[in-house]
Amino acid sequence: MARILITTDYLRPGDEVDDLLRSRGHETRYRSSVDLIADLAGVEGALVGHDPLTAEVVASADRLRAVVRTGVGYDAIDVEAAARAGITVSNLPGINANAVAEYTMGLLLTSSRRLLESATGVAAGGWPREDGRELRGSTLGLIGYGAAARAVAPLARAFGMSVLCATGVAEAERTDPEVRFVELPELLAGADFVSVHTALTPRTRGMLDAAALALMKPGAVLVNTARGAIVDEDALVAAVREGRIAGAALDVVAEEPLPAESPLRGVSGIVVHSHLAGQTAQARRAAGLEGARELLDALAGRPKHAVNAHLIEERDNR
């Protein structure tokens, strides 16, 4: 029997994930305080959301053996510190790709047809009638070519868009012949909509800075459903305010929830949503169950999606 901590906010005692873990003889507990270190005391496995598992937190969890992130991004977890402690860290690649892809198209449509401005104007007593623009005939630039970006491409083509992609994935993995793969500067200069789908890494942090935004078309819109810190928010605000790009639809920001003092607030053309791209009932259910199965496998020494397995192997071979 292992003690398992569950911190993902949509998982609850008595749900099917809880039942699955308990049916295998494990004890489940749930986040009960703001002190993650205290909650991890005596825990062997953890099913986590966006909780910051820093080196300090990992070092304090002396019984922890496996962590599973119920999503794709794991930048809040210090995977190197976990590897040093012999803790496997897994994610769930592609688990919410369809949800993210549909949501991305929603942001494109909302931005291009000024849907938020219309609804807000009507609610305020007005009747705004400004022109929008059609997606058909425009160019979508995808930054990254993971599962979500690959799911966006056919949806965009169904609307009559052409698709560019800038990615570091190997040539053999660039499987869609209707996507034109280019370098990032060419994508930024050629796209009417730029949609971010890459992971947050030291290389991509702040990648869309003032110099990058300056390459975009004046009428272009930036969409980000990946990680907020990929975009330099001060540079984005300046670019939109000065009319160098048309706007931005952001599902993610560098600090979440959005601080009251954020420069993104009150900027005409920038709309911030509350990190909802992967949050559908279907995606949540799949992530919870697949995360529980991955955790069971990891506790048995057979993780399928450990992102730090190579680091643990290097440590063990020293």
Protein backbone atom coordinates (compact mmCIF):
# COMPACT_ATOMS: atom_id res chain seq x y z
CA MET A 1 0.00 0.00 0.00
CA ALA A 2 1.19 3.51 -0.84
CA ARG A 3 -0.02 6.87 0.38
CA ILE A 4 -0.97 9.05 -2.57
CA LEU A 5 -1.46 12.82 -2.52
CA ILE A 6 -3.88 14.27 -5.08
CA THR A 7 -3.67 18.02 -5.71
CA THR A 8 -5.42 18.36 -9.09
CA ASP A 9 -8.30 20.69 -8.31
CA TYR A 10 -11.04 18.86 -10.21
CA LEU A 11 -10.35 15.45 -8.60
CA ARG A 12 -12.37 14.67 -5.48
CA PRO A 13 -12.66 11.95 -2.81
CA GLY A 14 -15.01 9.23 -4.00
CA ASP A 15 -14.70 9.94 -7.73
CA GLU A 16 -13.63 7.27 -10.23
CA VAL A 17 -9.95 8.23 -9.94
CA ASP A 18 -10.12 7.90 -6.16
CA ASP A 19 -11.97 4.59 -6.51
CA LEU A 20 -9.36 3.25 -8.95
CA LEU A 21 -6.43 4.07 -6.67
CA ARG A 22 -8.15 2.73 -3.58
CA SER A 23 -9.21 -0.45 -5.41
CA ARG A 24 -5.50 -1.18 -5.86
CA GLY A 25 -5.00 -0.98 -2.10
CA HIS A 26 -3.61 2.55 -1.89
CA GLU A 27 -4.54 5.31 0.56
CA THR A 28 -5.50 8.65 -0.98
CA ARG A 29 -5.27 12.06 0.59
CA TYR A 30 -5.98 15.51 -0.83
CA ARG A 31 -4.33 18.90 -0.63
CA SER A 32 -5.41 20.28 2.73
CA SER A 33 -3.24 23.33 3.29
CA VAL A 34 -1.10 25.95 1.59
CA ASP A 35 1.95 24.04 2.83
CA LEU A 36 2.79 21.54 0.09
CA ILE A 37 5.75 20.24 2.10
CA ALA A 38 3.43 19.30 4.97
CA ASP A 39 0.94 17.67 2.62
CA LEU A 40 3.69 15.52 1.05
CA ALA A 41 4.90 14.17 4.38
CA GLY A 42 4.77 10.37 4.32
CA VAL A 43 3.54 10.29 0.71
CA GLU A 44 4.93 7.80 -1.84
CA GLY A 45 3.05 8.99 -4.93
CA ALA A 46 1.53 12.26 -6.07
CA LEU A 47 -1.01 13.16 -8.75
CA VAL A 48 -0.54 16.88 -9.24
CA GLY A 49 -1.88 19.88 -11.11
CA HIS A 50 0.14 23.08 -11.40
CA ASP A 51 1.67 22.84 -7.92
CA PRO A 52 5.28 24.10 -7.73
CA LEU A 53 7.41 21.10 -6.84
CA THR A 54 10.63 23.02 -6.30
CA ALA A 55 13.96 21.51 -5.28
CA GLU A 56 13.16 22.42 -1.67
CA VAL A 57 9.77 20.69 -1.81
CA VAL A 58 11.23 17.60 -3.50
CA ALA A 59 14.07 17.36 -0.99
CA SER A 60 11.61 17.42 1.89
CA ALA A 61 9.51 14.55 0.52
CA ASP A 62 11.74 11.74 1.73
CA ARG A 63 9.27 8.94 0.89
CA LEU A 64 8.12 10.21 -2.49
CA ARG A 65 8.83 7.84 -5.39
CA ALA A 66 6.62 8.99 -8.26
CA VAL A 67 4.90 12.17 -9.42
CA VAL A 68 2.40 12.36 -12.27
CA ARG A 69 1.28 15.66 -13.74
CA THR A 70 -2.35 15.47 -14.89
CA GLY A 71 -1.57 17.39 -18.05
CA VAL A 72 1.19 18.02 -20.53
CA GLY A 73 3.34 20.87 -19.19
CA TYR A 74 5.57 20.09 -16.22
CA ASP A 75 7.61 23.29 -15.94
CA ALA A 76 6.44 23.79 -12.34
CA ILE A 77 8.32 20.64 -11.31
CA ASP A 78 12.08 20.57 -10.78
CA VAL A 79 12.67 17.34 -12.70
CA GLU A 80 16.42 17.39 -12.09
CA ALA A 81 15.96 17.63 -8.33
CA ALA A 82 13.42 14.83 -8.54
CA ALA A 83 15.88 12.68 -10.51
CA ARG A 84 18.59 13.28 -7.91
CA ALA A 85 16.15 11.96 -5.30
CA GLY A 86 15.21 8.98 -7.49
CA ILE A 87 11.67 10.27 -8.05
CA THR A 88 10.13 9.66 -11.46
CA VAL A 89 8.15 12.55 -12.94
CA SER A 90 5.59 11.73 -15.63
CA ASN A 91 3.29 13.83 -17.78
CA LEU A 92 0.43 12.83 -20.08
CA PRO A 93 1.46 13.79 -23.62
CA GLY A 94 -1.45 14.60 -25.91
CA ILE A 95 -4.08 13.99 -23.25
CA ASN A 96 -5.93 17.26 -23.89
CA ALA A 97 -4.82 17.96 -27.46
CA ASN A 98 -8.31 18.00 -28.94
CA ALA A 99 -9.62 20.30 -26.21
CA VAL A 100 -6.71 22.72 -26.76
CA ALA A 101 -7.15 22.62 -30.53
CA GLU A 102 -10.86 23.41 -30.39
CA TYR A 103 -10.23 26.19 -27.87
CA THR A 104 -7.52 27.66 -30.10
CA MET A 105 -9.98 27.86 -32.96
CA GLY A 106 -12.43 29.52 -30.58
CA LEU A 107 -9.87 32.21 -29.77
CA LEU A 108 -9.14 32.73 -33.47
CA LEU A 109 -12.84 33.17 -34.23
CA THR A 110 -13.45 35.38 -31.20
CA SER A 111 -10.55 37.64 -32.17
CA SER A 112 -11.26 37.80 -35.89
CA ARG A 113 -14.99 38.47 -35.52
CA ARG A 114 -14.71 40.77 -32.48
CA LEU A 115 -17.17 38.63 -30.55
CA LEU A 116 -16.11 39.76 -27.09
CA GLU A 117 -16.29 43.44 -28.07
CA SER A 118 -19.77 42.90 -29.50
CA ALA A 119 -21.13 41.11 -26.44
CA THR A 120 -19.53 43.61 -24.05
CA GLY A 121 -20.90 46.52 -26.04
CA VAL A 122 -24.43 45.11 -26.04
CA ALA A 123 -24.24 44.43 -22.30
CA ALA A 124 -23.26 48.07 -21.80
CA GLY A 125 -26.32 49.27 -23.75
CA GLY A 126 -24.70 49.72 -27.14
CA TRP A 127 -25.03 47.97 -30.49
CA PRO A 128 -21.48 47.74 -31.94
CA ARG A 129 -21.31 46.94 -35.67
CA GLU A 130 -17.60 47.00 -36.51
CA ASP A 131 -16.32 44.77 -39.28
CA GLY A 132 -14.60 41.51 -38.47
CA ARG A 133 -12.56 39.40 -40.82
CA GLU A 134 -12.88 35.86 -42.10
CA LEU A 135 -10.35 33.17 -41.31
CA ARG A 136 -10.60 31.85 -44.85
CA GLY A 137 -7.63 32.93 -46.93
CA SER A 138 -5.51 33.90 -43.91
CA THR A 139 -2.33 32.25 -42.64
CA LEU A 140 -1.95 30.59 -39.26
CA GLY A 141 1.52 30.23 -37.79
CA LEU A 142 1.99 27.45 -35.25
CA ILE A 143 4.95 27.72 -32.89
CA GLY A 144 5.63 24.13 -31.86
CA TYR A 145 4.44 20.86 -33.36
CA GLY A 146 3.30 18.77 -30.43
CA ALA A 147 -0.03 16.98 -30.17
CA ALA A 148 -2.10 20.16 -29.75
CA ALA A 149 -0.52 21.94 -32.72
CA ARG A 150 -0.99 18.85 -34.86
CA ALA A 151 -4.67 18.80 -33.89
CA VAL A 152 -5.08 22.51 -34.73
CA ALA A 153 -3.71 22.20 -38.28
CA PRO A 154 -6.60 20.25 -39.86
CA LEU A 155 -9.18 22.40 -38.07
CA ALA A 156 -7.52 25.55 -39.42
CA ARG A 157 -7.47 24.11 -42.95
CA ALA A 158 -11.18 23.30 -42.65
CA PHE A 159 -11.71 27.05 -42.23
CA GLY A 160 -9.67 27.71 -45.35
CA MET A 161 -6.48 28.81 -43.62
CA SER A 162 -2.97 27.94 -44.75
CA VAL A 163 -0.65 26.73 -42.02
CA LEU A 164 2.99 27.51 -41.27
CA CYS A 165 4.93 25.88 -38.45
CA ALA A 166 8.20 26.64 -36.68
CA THR A 167 9.46 23.71 -34.64
CA GLY A 168 12.52 21.90 -33.45
CA VAL A 169 11.08 18.42 -33.96
CA ALA A 170 12.95 16.09 -36.27
CA GLU A 171 12.17 16.02 -39.98
CA ALA A 172 10.80 12.48 -39.64
CA GLU A 173 8.14 13.72 -37.21
CA ARG A 174 6.88 16.47 -39.51
CA THR A 175 4.15 14.24 -40.82
CA ASP A 176 1.57 16.67 -42.24
CA PRO A 177 2.37 17.43 -45.91
CA GLU A 178 -0.03 20.39 -45.92
CA VAL A 179 1.88 22.24 -43.21
CA ARG A 180 4.79 24.34 -44.45
CA PHE A 181 7.68 24.20 -41.99
CA VAL A 182 9.72 27.40 -41.76
CA GLU A 183 12.06 29.18 -39.37
CA LEU A 184 10.48 31.37 -36.69
CA PRO A 185 11.30 34.76 -38.31
CA GLU A 186 9.60 33.71 -41.55
CA LEU A 187 6.57 32.46 -39.64
CA LEU A 188 6.23 35.69 -37.65
CA ALA A 189 6.51 37.80 -40.79
CA GLY A 190 4.05 35.72 -42.82
CA ALA A 191 1.28 34.76 -40.38
CA ASP A 192 -1.97 36.64 -39.81
CA PHE A 193 -2.45 34.69 -36.59
CA VAL A 194 0.42 33.28 -34.50
CA SER A 195 -0.54 30.49 -32.10
CA VAL A 196 1.89 29.30 -29.42
CA HIS A 197 2.02 25.56 -28.66
CA THR A 198 5.59 24.98 -27.52
CA ALA A 199 6.82 23.93 -24.09
CA LEU A 200 8.32 26.41 -21.64
CA THR A 201 12.06 25.74 -21.49
CA PRO A 202 15.11 27.94 -20.90
CA ARG A 203 15.28 28.36 -24.69
CA THR A 204 11.64 29.38 -25.15
CA ARG A 205 11.26 31.58 -22.04
CA GLY A 206 10.74 35.12 -23.31
CA MET A 207 11.12 33.93 -26.90
CA LEU A 208 8.40 36.26 -28.15
CA ASP A 209 10.14 39.46 -27.10
CA ALA A 210 10.12 42.95 -28.62
CA ALA A 211 12.37 41.90 -31.50
CA ALA A 212 10.17 38.91 -32.35
CA LEU A 213 6.93 40.88 -32.09
CA ALA A 214 8.42 43.53 -34.39
CA LEU A 215 8.52 40.92 -37.16
CA MET A 216 4.75 40.36 -37.06
CA LYS A 217 2.25 42.02 -39.39
CA PRO A 218 0.47 45.14 -38.08
CA GLY A 219 -2.86 43.30 -38.41
CA ALA A 220 -1.65 40.07 -36.81
CA VAL A 221 -3.06 38.55 -33.62
CA LEU A 222 -1.05 36.50 -31.12
CA VAL A 223 -2.77 33.51 -29.46
CA ASN A 224 -1.14 31.71 -26.55
CA THR A 225 -2.49 28.50 -25.02
CA ALA A 226 0.92 27.12 -23.98
CA ARG A 227 2.76 28.96 -21.18
CA GLY A 228 2.63 32.65 -20.33
CA ALA A 229 6.35 33.12 -19.80
CA ILE A 230 7.06 32.35 -23.45
CA VAL A 231 5.79 35.87 -24.20
CA ASP A 232 7.45 39.05 -22.93
CA GLU A 233 4.31 40.67 -21.56
CA ASP A 234 5.71 44.20 -21.35
CA ALA A 235 6.82 43.99 -24.97
CA LEU A 236 3.42 42.64 -26.00
CA VAL A 237 1.58 45.50 -24.27
CA ALA A 238 3.81 48.03 -26.01
CA ALA A 239 3.33 46.37 -29.41
CA VAL A 240 -0.47 46.37 -29.11
CA ARG A 241 -0.74 49.88 -27.67
CA GLU A 242 1.47 51.28 -30.41
CA GLY A 243 -0.46 49.45 -33.15
CA ARG A 244 2.48 47.32 -34.24
CA ILE A 245 0.26 44.24 -33.94
CA ALA A 246 -3.53 44.11 -33.76
CA GLY A 247 -3.94 42.23 -30.50
CA ALA A 248 -3.56 39.10 -28.44
CA ALA A 249 -5.79 36.37 -27.01
CA LEU A 250 -4.04 34.84 -24.02
CA ASP A 251 -5.22 31.76 -22.17
CA VAL A 252 -2.03 31.73 -20.09
CA VAL A 253 0.03 34.45 -18.42
CA ALA A 254 3.35 34.54 -16.62
CA GLU A 255 1.70 34.77 -13.19
CA GLU A 256 -1.61 33.06 -12.58
CA PRO A 257 -4.15 34.21 -11.50
CA LEU A 258 -3.52 37.50 -13.30
CA PRO A 259 -2.28 40.04 -10.72
CA ALA A 260 -4.29 43.23 -10.23
CA GLU A 261 -1.24 45.26 -11.24
CA SER A 262 -0.53 43.30 -14.43
CA PRO A 263 0.29 45.53 -17.43
CA LEU A 264 -2.00 43.27 -19.50
CA ARG A 265 -5.09 44.69 -17.79
CA GLY A 266 -7.05 47.39 -19.51
CA VAL A 267 -5.25 47.17 -22.85
CA SER A 268 -7.63 47.42 -25.79
CA GLY A 269 -6.91 44.48 -28.07
CA ILE A 270 -5.55 42.15 -25.37
CA VAL A 271 -7.96 39.60 -23.90
CA VAL A 272 -6.87 37.31 -21.05
CA HIS A 273 -8.70 34.09 -20.23
CA SER A 274 -8.29 31.89 -17.16
CA HIS A 275 -6.17 28.96 -18.44
CA LEU A 276 -9.10 26.95 -19.78
CA ALA A 277 -7.76 25.47 -23.02
CA GLY A 278 -7.50 21.91 -21.74
CA GLN A 279 -10.42 22.13 -19.32
CA THR A 280 -13.28 20.15 -20.82
CA ALA A 281 -15.22 17.44 -19.03
CA GLN A 282 -13.85 14.88 -21.47
CA ALA A 283 -10.23 16.00 -21.15
CA ARG A 284 -10.42 16.21 -17.36
CA ARG A 285 -11.84 12.70 -17.09
CA ALA A 286 -9.20 11.31 -19.44
CA ALA A 287 -6.39 13.11 -17.61
CA GLY A 288 -7.55 11.94 -14.20
CA LEU A 289 -7.88 8.30 -15.18
CA GLU A 290 -4.75 8.18 -17.34
CA GLY A 291 -2.83 9.99 -14.62
CA ALA A 292 -3.95 7.45 -12.04
CA ARG A 293 -2.93 4.56 -14.30
CA GLU A 294 0.45 6.14 -14.95
CA LEU A 295 0.95 6.62 -11.21
CA LEU A 296 0.10 2.98 -10.53
CA ASP A 297 2.63 1.93 -13.17
CA ALA A 298 5.26 4.31 -11.81
CA LEU A 299 4.84 3.04 -8.25
CA ALA A 300 5.34 -0.46 -9.65
CA GLY A 301 8.56 0.72 -11.33
CA ARG A 302 7.11 0.80 -14.87
CA PRO A 303 6.27 4.40 -15.78
CA LYS A 304 5.36 4.88 -19.46
CA HIS A 305 5.82 8.64 -19.67
CA ALA A 306 8.61 9.53 -17.24
CA VAL A 307 10.20 12.76 -18.46
CA ASN A 308 13.27 12.35 -16.25
CA ALA A 309 13.96 8.63 -16.71
CA HIS A 310 17.21 9.40 -18.53
CA LEU A 311 18.38 11.59 -15.64
CA ILE A 312 17.66 8.85 -13.10
CA GLU A 313 19.47 6.34 -15.29
CA GLU A 314 22.50 8.64 -15.51
CA ARG A 315 22.48 9.03 -11.72
CA ASP A 316 22.27 5.27 -11.21
CA ASN A 317 25.11 4.59 -13.66
CA ARG A 318 27.60 6.92 -12.02
